[in-house]
Structures are given as structure tokens and as C-alpha cells.
Amino acid sequence: MNINKLVLKEIVRRKLNFFLGLISVVFAVTTVTGALTMLKIHDLKTGEIIAQKELETSERMIILEDDYRKIMKNLGFNLLILPKDQNLNDLYADDFASKYMPESFVDSLAASPSMLIRHLLPSLQQKIEWPEKRRTIILTGVRGEVPFLHKDPKEPMMVAVPKGTMIVGYELHNSLDIKTGDELKLMGRTFKIEKCNEARGNKDDITIWIDLQEAQELLQKEEEINAILALKCHCSGSDLASVRDEVYSVLPGTQVIEKGTSVLARAEARDRAAKEAQDAILSEKIHRNNLRKERENFASILVPLVLLTSTLWIAFLFIINVRSRKSEIGILRAVGVKEISIMKLFLYKALLIGLSGAFIGYFLGFGIGSIWGGLFSVSFFSVSQFALTLLFAPLLALLAAYIPATIAARQDPAEILRED
């Protein structure tokens, strides 16, 4: 007796029974594979969404950094380094420093490994009488921003005034009808008007800016300055006390004061924007994790239920199959076919159902899971998962068929034939 041929003939004869069992296994495998594939796609999409948001945040922060730099450029410096003996009451009353320090101080600071300040602008400023125009002005000599030697060069917040030229404040050029390109004398020296500033509503409106060296010569303050403007780094540990300690370690004969609350407010606004962006990323992660948990919970209920239902359904189909083949079983047992051979008739059929259902169900579940997840990729195909499916689906079918097969094999052939 050839068991394999008998199994194939049985399948051909009772196609509906085999087909219903196959559908049951396919449905179970499709459910499990589809759920796993969907979760894989969800994890991939979560990673892509978070990566995209982080990229957008990074790009946004670059824009904010640039915006912050530009606004800082417009608002000006927020640190003022003065000679140690400068009386602040006099400074606030006269609106400029009256004490002096060596110009070399700024070079010493630029050569130091400072981490808390950026952009250095030495200046010499003094209120004078403009003899040619009989006007009281503030003369400011600048040599341009001094870069830190150990840092990457950044776009300067203020560039040097070319020698032989001057920049004129609004009130002066407006009241004296001065225009760009005009030539004027200042303390006996001729200067060409480089630029006429817009109104600023402060002392800048009565200020004239010229080259630092030329200002030193006019004021007879060679190689001297009375202030260094700087920008405090907006970073961790950059409180004023730390900045002062850092500056004093390089320039002990100085004092540091902070100004520019608008700059600080803008920095705080930038920090808030960064925090909001990070909160948005965190919120998205929480949302995606919650969504995954919901799907996991749904799958944790659905998958066991489907597996149990499929197992019971296959067992039910085999019980019906055993009853419909009682005569056949009785004849086989009567001619000496052993119990184990009778069991094989049913178990081989269950094995074939399990293997066929596993193969069809895996690819069907892979496709449905991809469609449901909204993304199809061959990379989601798992050889190990496919192998496990080919192992456990037949085991499920064999388990469901085992009891009916055992019942069939242990029936008394004489009693079966007598009933017939």
C-alpha cells in the first residue's frame, strides 16, 4: 500500500475538505505575517518621520542661528571691556569712556583660547568740538573686528572704516546737508564721506567714525583705546561672572559690563524655538509609540484568536473526514494495515495542508501587510521568519489532526464493517 498515493487520491476525491483546511491555515499565517509586516513598516516609517523632523529641526536651527547672527549684527555688541579705573558714573554721564588702555589688549584677548566671547572691536571714542563745523560730536576710531586666532573666521559684525574716509551719523549729515562722496575737513585733515547712517535715535546720530589709527593721531592717543566691544557667546556656562573671570585672566587691568537686553531676549526666543522643536520631535515619538502599542495590543488579541480558531476548524474538518471514511478505514484495518499507517493517511494530509497554507499565507500576508502599512519593500522579507512559518504552520495542522487521526487508527474494523 502506497500511503502517498492514497493521500493524493483522498485530496482529489474530497477537494472541499482539503480546500477548507488550506483556507484555515492560509488565513492564520496571513494574519500573523501581515501583523508582523505592518509593525515592521510602522517602525521604519517612525524612524523616517523622526529623522525627517530632526533634519527639519536642524535646518530650522541653522536658519535661527543665522537669523540670530544677523539680528546681533544689527543690535550690536553686548559686552563692553573698559579700563579698570574707568568710573562707570562718568561713563553713563558722558556716554563714552574717559580712561585709556593699550591697543595691544585686544590682540592679547584675540590670541587667548576664549570660549565665552566672540567678535572683538577695539575703539577709541571721545566727545570733541568739530572746529570746521562748530558742532559738538563724538569721534570714534575703529580698526575693524579682530578675529580670534584659534577660531574659524566668521562674518564680522562690523567692518573697518577705510583710511581717509568717514561714516557720519544721521543728525550730522541731515542738518549739515552732507552726502556720500562729499569731502570734509575734520581737525585739519580731509576725509571722504563713505556712508551716511540712518537715524538710530541715540548718540550714534551725532557720531563720526574714522579709522582707529587716524583717530589716535587726531586725538594724540597713539596705540591707545578706551573700549573693546565684544559679543558674549550664547552657550552653557556663559554667565557674566564666567565671562569676567575669563577676560580678567588675560587682561587683569580691565572691567567688563554687559548691555543689550534686546540681544538677550532674542537669544531666549531662539532657545524657546529650539525647545519647541525638540518637544515636537518627542511628541511625535510618543504618538508613534502609542500607535504601535495599539497595533501590538490588537495583534496580541487577534493572532491567538485566529490561531485557536484555525486549529479547532482543522480538527473539526478532520473529524468529519474520519467519519466519512469509516468504511475505507475498516477495510484497510481488516486487510492488516497497521494503526500507524492509518494515522499517516491523515497526518500526511495535514502536513500537506500546513506546508501549502504556510507558503501561500506568508506571501499573501506579506502583501496585505505592506498594503495596509502603506509601503512595499523586498527588504521586509525575512528568510528566518519564512522558515519559521514553514515549520510552525505544519505543526499547527498536525496538532489539529492528531486526535482525529488517533481516533481513526484505533477503531475496531469488525465493528465498523458490521455497522456497514
Protein backbone atom coordinates (compact mmCIF):
# COMPACT_ATOMS: atom_id res chain seq x y z
CA MET A 1 0.00 0.00 0.00
CA ASN A 2 1.41 3.39 -1.01
CA ILE A 3 0.40 5.96 1.63
CA ASN A 4 1.36 8.92 -0.52
CA LYS A 5 -0.85 7.83 -3.41
CA LEU A 6 -3.76 7.25 -1.05
CA VAL A 7 -3.33 10.75 0.41
CA LEU A 8 -3.30 12.34 -3.07
CA LYS A 9 -6.36 10.35 -4.14
CA GLU A 10 -8.13 11.40 -0.95
CA ILE A 11 -7.37 15.08 -1.68
CA VAL A 12 -8.63 14.76 -5.26
CA ARG A 13 -11.78 12.98 -4.13
CA ARG A 14 -12.61 15.32 -1.25
CA LYS A 15 -11.42 18.63 -2.63
CA LEU A 16 -13.73 20.77 -0.49
CA ASN A 17 -12.46 19.29 2.76
CA PHE A 18 -8.83 19.89 1.73
CA PHE A 19 -9.61 23.36 0.44
CA LEU A 20 -11.37 24.40 3.67
CA GLY A 21 -8.40 23.18 5.73
CA LEU A 22 -5.98 25.01 3.43
CA ILE A 23 -8.02 28.22 3.73
CA SER A 24 -7.88 27.94 7.50
CA VAL A 25 -4.06 27.69 7.56
CA VAL A 26 -3.68 30.43 4.94
CA PHE A 27 -5.89 32.72 7.00
CA ALA A 28 -3.88 32.07 10.17
CA VAL A 29 -0.49 32.55 8.51
CA THR A 30 -1.70 35.62 6.61
CA THR A 31 -2.89 37.21 9.85
CA VAL A 32 0.38 36.61 11.69
CA THR A 33 2.62 37.62 8.76
CA GLY A 34 0.50 40.64 7.93
CA ALA A 35 0.62 41.87 11.52
CA LEU A 36 4.41 41.44 11.75
CA THR A 37 4.96 43.12 8.38
CA MET A 38 2.74 46.02 9.35
CA LEU A 39 4.69 46.53 12.59
CA LYS A 40 7.98 46.46 10.66
CA ILE A 41 6.68 49.11 8.28
CA HIS A 42 5.41 51.15 11.22
CA ASP A 43 8.88 51.06 12.82
CA LEU A 44 10.53 52.03 9.54
CA LYS A 45 8.10 54.91 8.99
CA THR A 46 8.61 56.03 12.58
CA GLY A 47 12.34 56.16 12.00
CA GLU A 48 11.87 58.09 8.76
CA ILE A 49 9.41 60.55 10.32
CA ILE A 50 11.65 61.20 13.32
CA ALA A 51 14.72 61.54 11.08
CA GLN A 52 12.84 63.99 8.84
CA LYS A 53 11.68 66.03 11.82
CA GLU A 54 15.21 66.06 13.23
CA LEU A 55 16.51 67.19 9.84
CA GLU A 56 13.87 69.92 9.65
CA THR A 57 14.74 70.96 13.21
CA SER A 58 18.43 71.03 12.35
CA GLU A 59 17.74 73.13 9.25
CA ARG A 60 15.45 75.38 11.27
CA MET A 61 18.12 75.85 13.91
CA ILE A 62 20.68 76.74 11.23
CA ILE A 63 18.25 79.39 9.98
CA LEU A 64 17.69 80.60 13.55
CA GLU A 65 21.44 80.73 14.14
CA ASP A 66 21.86 82.80 11.00
CA ASP A 67 18.89 84.95 11.94
CA TYR A 68 20.32 85.38 15.42
CA ARG A 69 23.69 86.37 13.96
CA LYS A 70 22.09 88.94 11.65
CA ILE A 71 19.98 90.43 14.43
CA MET A 72 23.01 90.52 16.71
CA LYS A 73 24.79 92.36 13.93
CA ASN A 74 22.00 94.95 13.85
CA LEU A 75 21.57 95.21 17.61
CA GLY A 76 25.29 95.42 18.26
CA PHE A 77 27.67 94.00 20.82
CA ASN A 78 26.52 93.08 24.30
CA LEU A 79 29.80 93.27 26.25
CA LEU A 80 31.93 96.30 26.94
CA ILE A 81 35.53 95.85 28.16
CA LEU A 82 36.86 99.01 29.78
CA PRO A 83 39.98 100.12 31.65
CA LYS A 84 39.82 99.04 35.26
CA ASP A 85 40.00 102.64 36.56
CA GLN A 86 37.09 103.82 34.42
CA ASN A 87 34.36 105.27 36.66
CA LEU A 88 31.03 103.91 35.47
CA ASN A 89 29.16 107.01 36.64
CA ASP A 90 31.30 109.10 34.32
CA LEU A 91 30.79 106.56 31.56
CA TYR A 92 27.00 106.72 31.83
CA ALA A 93 27.04 110.51 32.15
CA ASP A 94 29.36 111.14 29.19
CA ASP A 95 28.28 108.08 27.19
CA PHE A 96 31.88 107.18 26.44
CA ALA A 97 34.96 106.08 28.42
CA SER A 98 37.42 108.71 29.53
CA LYS A 99 40.21 106.34 30.59
CA TYR A 100 42.54 104.52 28.22
CA MET A 101 44.29 101.21 27.82
CA PRO A 102 46.87 99.85 25.36
CA GLU A 103 45.57 98.80 21.94
CA SER A 104 47.62 95.61 22.38
CA PHE A 105 44.99 94.42 24.90
CA VAL A 106 42.66 93.41 22.08
CA ASP A 107 45.40 91.39 20.39
CA SER A 108 46.16 89.59 23.66
CA LEU A 109 42.49 88.71 24.05
CA ALA A 110 42.25 87.54 20.42
CA ALA A 111 45.25 85.26 20.95
CA SER A 112 43.71 83.69 24.08
CA PRO A 113 41.72 80.42 23.90
CA SER A 114 38.50 82.19 24.87
CA MET A 115 35.35 80.08 24.69
CA LEU A 116 32.80 82.54 26.07
CA ILE A 117 33.18 85.63 23.90
CA ARG A 118 33.02 86.25 20.17
CA HIS A 119 33.87 89.21 17.93
CA LEU A 120 36.25 91.88 19.27
CA LEU A 121 36.08 95.51 18.21
CA PRO A 122 38.63 97.94 19.66
CA SER A 123 37.63 101.59 19.62
CA LEU A 124 38.76 105.00 20.66
CA GLN A 125 35.92 107.38 21.42
CA GLN A 126 35.88 110.94 22.59
CA LYS A 127 33.50 113.91 22.58
CA ILE A 128 35.13 116.78 20.71
CA GLU A 129 34.36 120.10 19.09
CA TRP A 130 34.34 119.85 15.28
CA PRO A 131 36.18 123.08 14.59
CA GLU A 132 35.34 123.28 10.88
CA LYS A 133 31.58 122.96 11.54
CA ARG A 134 31.43 124.30 15.09
CA ARG A 135 29.48 121.27 16.23
CA THR A 136 29.95 119.01 19.23
CA ILE A 137 30.39 115.47 18.01
CA ILE A 138 31.54 112.10 19.24
CA LEU A 139 34.57 110.96 17.31
CA THR A 140 35.01 107.18 17.18
CA GLY A 141 38.03 105.45 15.75
CA VAL A 142 37.65 101.76 14.82
CA ARG A 143 40.07 99.44 13.12
CA GLY A 144 37.54 96.72 12.29
CA GLU A 145 36.79 93.48 14.04
CA VAL A 146 39.74 91.49 15.38
CA PRO A 147 39.34 87.73 14.77
CA PHE A 148 40.27 85.14 17.36
CA LEU A 149 43.38 83.42 16.07
CA HIS A 150 42.33 79.89 17.06
CA LYS A 151 38.74 80.03 15.73
CA ASP A 152 37.18 79.74 12.31
CA PRO A 153 36.65 83.21 10.86
CA LYS A 154 33.03 84.37 10.96
CA GLU A 155 31.33 87.16 9.11
CA PRO A 156 32.27 90.30 11.06
CA MET A 157 29.57 92.26 12.82
CA MET A 158 31.35 95.50 11.93
CA VAL A 159 33.98 96.13 9.28
CA ALA A 160 36.79 98.68 9.37
CA VAL A 161 36.35 102.23 8.12
CA PRO A 162 38.83 102.72 5.25
CA LYS A 163 41.57 105.22 5.91
CA GLY A 164 40.83 108.69 4.61
CA THR A 165 37.08 108.15 4.87
CA MET A 166 34.40 108.69 7.48
CA ILE A 167 30.91 107.46 8.33
CA VAL A 168 28.56 110.18 9.53
CA GLY A 169 25.62 109.89 11.93
CA TYR A 170 22.11 110.87 10.84
CA GLU A 171 21.69 114.15 12.73
CA LEU A 172 25.02 115.45 11.45
CA HIS A 173 24.58 114.65 7.75
CA ASN A 174 20.91 115.66 7.83
CA SER A 175 21.46 119.07 9.47
CA LEU A 176 24.68 119.86 7.59
CA ASP A 177 23.44 118.56 4.24
CA ILE A 178 26.31 116.09 3.96
CA LYS A 179 26.10 113.40 1.28
CA THR A 180 28.02 110.25 0.45
CA GLY A 181 31.06 111.10 -1.65
CA ASP A 182 31.50 114.62 -0.24
CA GLU A 183 34.86 115.65 1.12
CA LEU A 184 35.04 117.33 4.52
CA LYS A 185 37.77 118.55 6.82
CA LEU A 186 37.98 117.26 10.38
CA MET A 187 40.56 118.83 12.66
CA GLY A 188 42.53 119.96 9.62
CA ARG A 189 42.51 116.59 7.83
CA THR A 190 40.41 115.88 4.72
CA PHE A 191 38.07 112.85 4.69
CA LYS A 192 35.75 111.47 2.05
CA ILE A 193 32.22 110.54 3.18
CA GLU A 194 31.99 106.75 2.93
CA LYS A 195 28.45 106.39 4.29
CA CYS A 196 25.64 108.35 5.89
CA ASN A 197 23.81 106.34 8.52
CA GLU A 198 20.06 106.12 9.02
CA ALA A 199 18.56 107.55 12.20
CA ARG A 200 19.18 105.38 15.28
CA GLY A 201 17.75 107.60 17.99
CA ASN A 202 20.87 107.55 20.19
CA LYS A 203 24.35 109.05 20.40
CA ASP A 204 25.24 107.41 17.07
CA ASP A 205 23.28 110.19 15.35
CA ILE A 206 25.98 112.72 16.38
CA THR A 207 28.93 110.35 15.88
CA ILE A 208 31.60 110.29 13.20
CA TRP A 209 33.53 107.04 12.63
CA ILE A 210 37.00 107.04 11.15
CA ASP A 211 39.97 104.67 11.06
CA LEU A 212 41.37 103.91 14.53
CA GLN A 213 44.93 104.91 13.72
CA GLU A 214 43.78 108.22 12.24
CA ALA A 215 41.62 108.88 15.31
CA GLN A 216 44.60 108.15 17.57
CA GLU A 217 46.67 110.65 15.62
CA LEU A 218 43.98 113.34 15.73
CA LEU A 219 43.37 112.84 19.46
CA GLN A 220 47.08 112.31 20.20
CA LYS A 221 46.38 108.88 21.71
CA GLU A 222 48.78 106.73 19.67
CA GLU A 223 48.35 102.98 20.29
CA GLU A 224 45.63 103.62 22.87
CA ILE A 225 41.95 102.72 23.02
CA ASN A 226 39.27 103.25 25.64
CA ALA A 227 36.91 100.33 24.94
CA ILE A 228 36.68 96.86 23.45
CA LEU A 229 33.27 95.78 22.30
CA ALA A 230 32.58 92.04 22.32
CA LEU A 231 29.76 89.57 21.99
CA LYS A 232 29.07 87.08 24.75
CA CYS A 233 28.68 83.52 23.50
CA HIS A 234 25.16 82.19 23.89
CA CYS A 235 26.21 78.84 25.31
CA SER A 236 26.28 76.84 28.52
CA GLY A 237 28.34 78.44 31.27
CA SER A 238 28.43 81.86 29.62
CA ASP A 239 27.10 83.83 32.59
CA LEU A 240 28.63 87.24 33.18
CA ALA A 241 30.74 86.08 36.12
CA SER A 242 32.37 83.37 33.98
CA VAL A 243 32.99 85.84 31.17
CA ARG A 244 34.59 88.30 33.58
CA ASP A 245 36.84 85.60 35.03
CA GLU A 246 37.92 84.59 31.55
CA VAL A 247 38.66 88.18 30.46
CA TYR A 248 40.41 89.07 33.72
CA SER A 249 42.71 86.07 33.39
CA VAL A 250 44.01 87.59 30.14
CA LEU A 251 43.52 91.31 30.85
CA PRO A 252 43.70 91.88 34.60
CA GLY A 253 43.68 95.68 34.17
CA THR A 254 40.13 95.78 32.79
CA GLN A 255 36.49 95.58 33.79
CA VAL A 256 33.56 94.00 31.94
CA ILE A 257 29.97 95.23 31.80
CA GLU A 258 27.02 93.69 29.98
CA LYS A 259 24.47 95.55 27.89
CA GLY A 260 21.95 94.87 25.15
CA THR A 261 18.84 93.29 26.71
CA SER A 262 17.35 93.04 23.20
CA VAL A 263 20.11 90.64 22.28
CA LEU A 264 19.42 88.53 25.35
CA ALA A 265 15.70 88.49 24.63
CA ARG A 266 16.39 87.32 21.09
CA ALA A 267 18.67 84.60 22.37
CA GLU A 268 15.96 83.42 24.74
CA ALA A 269 13.48 83.38 21.86
CA ARG A 270 15.89 81.22 19.87
CA ASP A 271 16.20 78.83 22.82
CA ARG A 272 12.42 78.62 23.09
CA ALA A 273 12.19 77.79 19.38
CA ALA A 274 14.79 75.05 19.80
CA LYS A 275 12.93 73.62 22.81
CA GLU A 276 9.63 73.70 20.93
CA ALA A 277 11.25 71.83 18.03
CA GLN A 278 12.65 69.18 20.39
CA ASP A 279 9.26 68.91 22.13
CA ALA A 280 7.63 68.37 18.72
CA ILE A 281 10.03 65.51 17.99
CA LEU A 282 9.40 64.00 21.41
CA SER A 283 5.63 64.36 20.93
CA GLU A 284 5.87 62.62 17.54
CA LYS A 285 7.88 59.77 19.10
CA ILE A 286 5.28 59.35 21.85
CA HIS A 287 2.46 59.41 19.28
CA ARG A 288 4.17 56.79 17.09
CA ASN A 289 4.97 54.61 20.12
CA ASN A 290 1.38 54.80 21.33
CA LEU A 291 0.14 53.91 17.86
CA ARG A 292 2.49 50.92 17.76
CA LYS A 293 1.30 49.77 21.19
CA GLU A 294 -2.31 49.96 19.99
CA ARG A 295 -1.45 47.84 16.97
CA GLU A 296 0.55 45.42 19.11
CA ASN A 297 -2.37 45.08 21.52
CA PHE A 298 -4.77 44.49 18.65
CA ALA A 299 -2.42 41.89 17.13
CA SER A 300 -1.88 40.22 20.53
CA ILE A 301 -5.63 39.56 20.72
CA LEU A 302 -6.32 38.84 17.05
CA VAL A 303 -3.40 36.46 16.35
CA PRO A 304 -4.04 33.97 19.21
CA LEU A 305 -7.76 34.05 18.44
CA VAL A 306 -7.15 33.30 14.76
CA LEU A 307 -4.65 30.52 15.57
CA LEU A 308 -7.07 28.89 18.02
CA THR A 309 -9.97 29.17 15.60
CA SER A 310 -7.91 27.73 12.76
CA THR A 311 -6.72 24.83 14.92
CA LEU A 312 -10.26 23.97 16.03
CA TRP A 313 -11.55 24.33 12.46
CA ILE A 314 -8.89 21.96 11.09
CA ALA A 315 -9.64 19.48 13.89
CA PHE A 316 -13.35 19.70 13.04
CA LEU A 317 -12.66 19.10 9.32
CA PHE A 318 -10.57 16.03 10.12
CA ILE A 319 -13.24 14.63 12.43
CA ILE A 320 -15.72 14.93 9.55
CA ASN A 321 -13.12 13.37 7.24
CA VAL A 322 -12.65 10.43 9.64
CA ARG A 323 -16.40 9.81 9.81
CA SER A 324 -16.83 9.95 6.04
CA ARG A 325 -14.01 7.40 5.59
CA LYS A 326 -15.12 4.85 8.19
CA SER A 327 -15.74 2.14 5.61
CA GLU A 328 -12.39 2.73 3.95
CA ILE A 329 -10.63 2.63 7.33
CA GLY A 330 -12.45 -0.59 8.28
CA ILE A 331 -11.41 -2.32 5.05
CA LEU A 332 -7.79 -1.21 5.43
CA ARG A 333 -7.69 -2.39 9.02
CA ALA A 334 -9.34 -5.70 8.01
CA VAL A 335 -6.66 -6.46 5.43
CA GLY A 336 -3.93 -5.86 8.04
CA VAL A 337 -2.97 -2.22 7.69
CA LYS A 338 -1.39 -1.08 10.95
CA GLU A 339 -2.63 1.76 13.15
CA ILE A 340 0.42 3.87 12.41
CA SER A 341 -0.28 3.65 8.67
CA ILE A 342 -3.87 4.72 9.19
CA MET A 343 -2.64 7.71 11.21
CA LYS A 344 -0.21 8.59 8.42
CA LEU A 345 -3.13 8.87 5.95
CA PHE A 346 -4.48 11.77 7.96
CA LEU A 347 -1.24 13.29 9.24
CA TYR A 348 0.35 13.44 5.77
CA LYS A 349 -2.71 15.25 4.54
CA ALA A 350 -2.46 17.66 7.50
CA LEU A 351 1.23 18.16 6.74
CA LEU A 352 0.46 19.00 3.11
CA ILE A 353 -2.25 21.42 4.19
CA GLY A 354 0.15 23.09 6.64
CA LEU A 355 3.03 23.46 4.14
CA SER A 356 0.80 24.73 1.32
CA GLY A 357 -1.03 27.11 3.65
CA ALA A 358 2.26 28.39 5.10
CA PHE A 359 3.73 29.14 1.67
CA ILE A 360 0.61 30.84 0.32
CA GLY A 361 -0.24 32.58 3.59
CA TYR A 362 3.21 34.06 4.11
CA PHE A 363 3.35 35.83 0.75
CA LEU A 364 -0.30 36.82 0.98
CA GLY A 365 0.25 38.24 4.48
CA PHE A 366 3.42 39.98 3.32
CA GLY A 367 1.48 41.67 0.53
CA ILE A 368 -1.53 42.60 2.67
CA GLY A 369 0.71 43.87 5.50
CA SER A 370 2.65 46.01 3.02
CA ILE A 371 -0.55 47.48 1.57
CA TRP A 372 -2.02 48.05 5.00
CA GLY A 373 1.22 49.63 6.19
CA GLY A 374 1.36 51.80 3.07
CA LEU A 375 4.86 50.72 1.99
CA PHE A 376 6.14 47.81 -0.07
CA SER A 377 9.78 46.77 0.05
CA VAL A 378 11.57 43.49 -0.58
CA SER A 379 13.79 44.35 2.40
CA PHE A 380 10.88 43.47 4.70
CA PHE A 381 11.07 39.85 3.51
CA SER A 382 12.62 37.78 6.28
CA VAL A 383 14.12 34.39 5.42
CA SER A 384 14.16 33.36 9.06
CA GLN A 385 10.51 34.36 9.51
CA PHE A 386 9.57 32.48 6.35
CA ALA A 387 11.42 29.38 7.60
CA LEU A 388 9.66 29.56 10.96
CA THR A 389 6.32 29.87 9.17
CA LEU A 390 7.09 26.71 7.14
CA LEU A 391 7.88 24.95 10.41
CA PHE A 392 5.08 26.07 12.72
CA ALA A 393 2.14 26.11 10.28
CA PRO A 394 2.52 22.36 9.50
CA LEU A 395 2.96 21.70 13.23
CA LEU A 396 -0.31 23.55 13.85
CA ALA A 397 -2.08 21.43 11.25
CA LEU A 398 -0.54 18.21 12.59
CA LEU A 399 -1.59 19.12 16.12
CA ALA A 400 -5.15 19.76 14.99
CA ALA A 401 -5.28 16.47 13.03
CA TYR A 402 -3.56 14.29 15.62
CA ILE A 403 -6.59 13.46 17.80
CA PRO A 404 -8.92 12.68 14.86
CA ALA A 405 -6.16 10.56 13.29
CA THR A 406 -5.66 8.67 16.55
CA ILE A 407 -9.39 8.02 16.82
CA ALA A 408 -9.46 6.75 13.24
CA ALA A 409 -6.49 4.43 13.76
CA ARG A 410 -7.90 2.85 16.94
CA GLN A 411 -11.33 1.95 15.60
CA ASP A 412 -12.25 -1.76 15.60
CA PRO A 413 -12.51 -2.89 11.95
CA ALA A 414 -15.01 -5.66 12.76
CA GLU A 415 -17.38 -3.24 14.43
CA ILE A 416 -17.02 -0.75 11.55
CA LEU A 417 -17.81 -3.40 8.93
CA ARG A 418 -20.71 -4.76 10.96
CA GLU A 419 -22.24 -1.28 11.11
CA ASP A 420 -21.94 -1.00 7.36
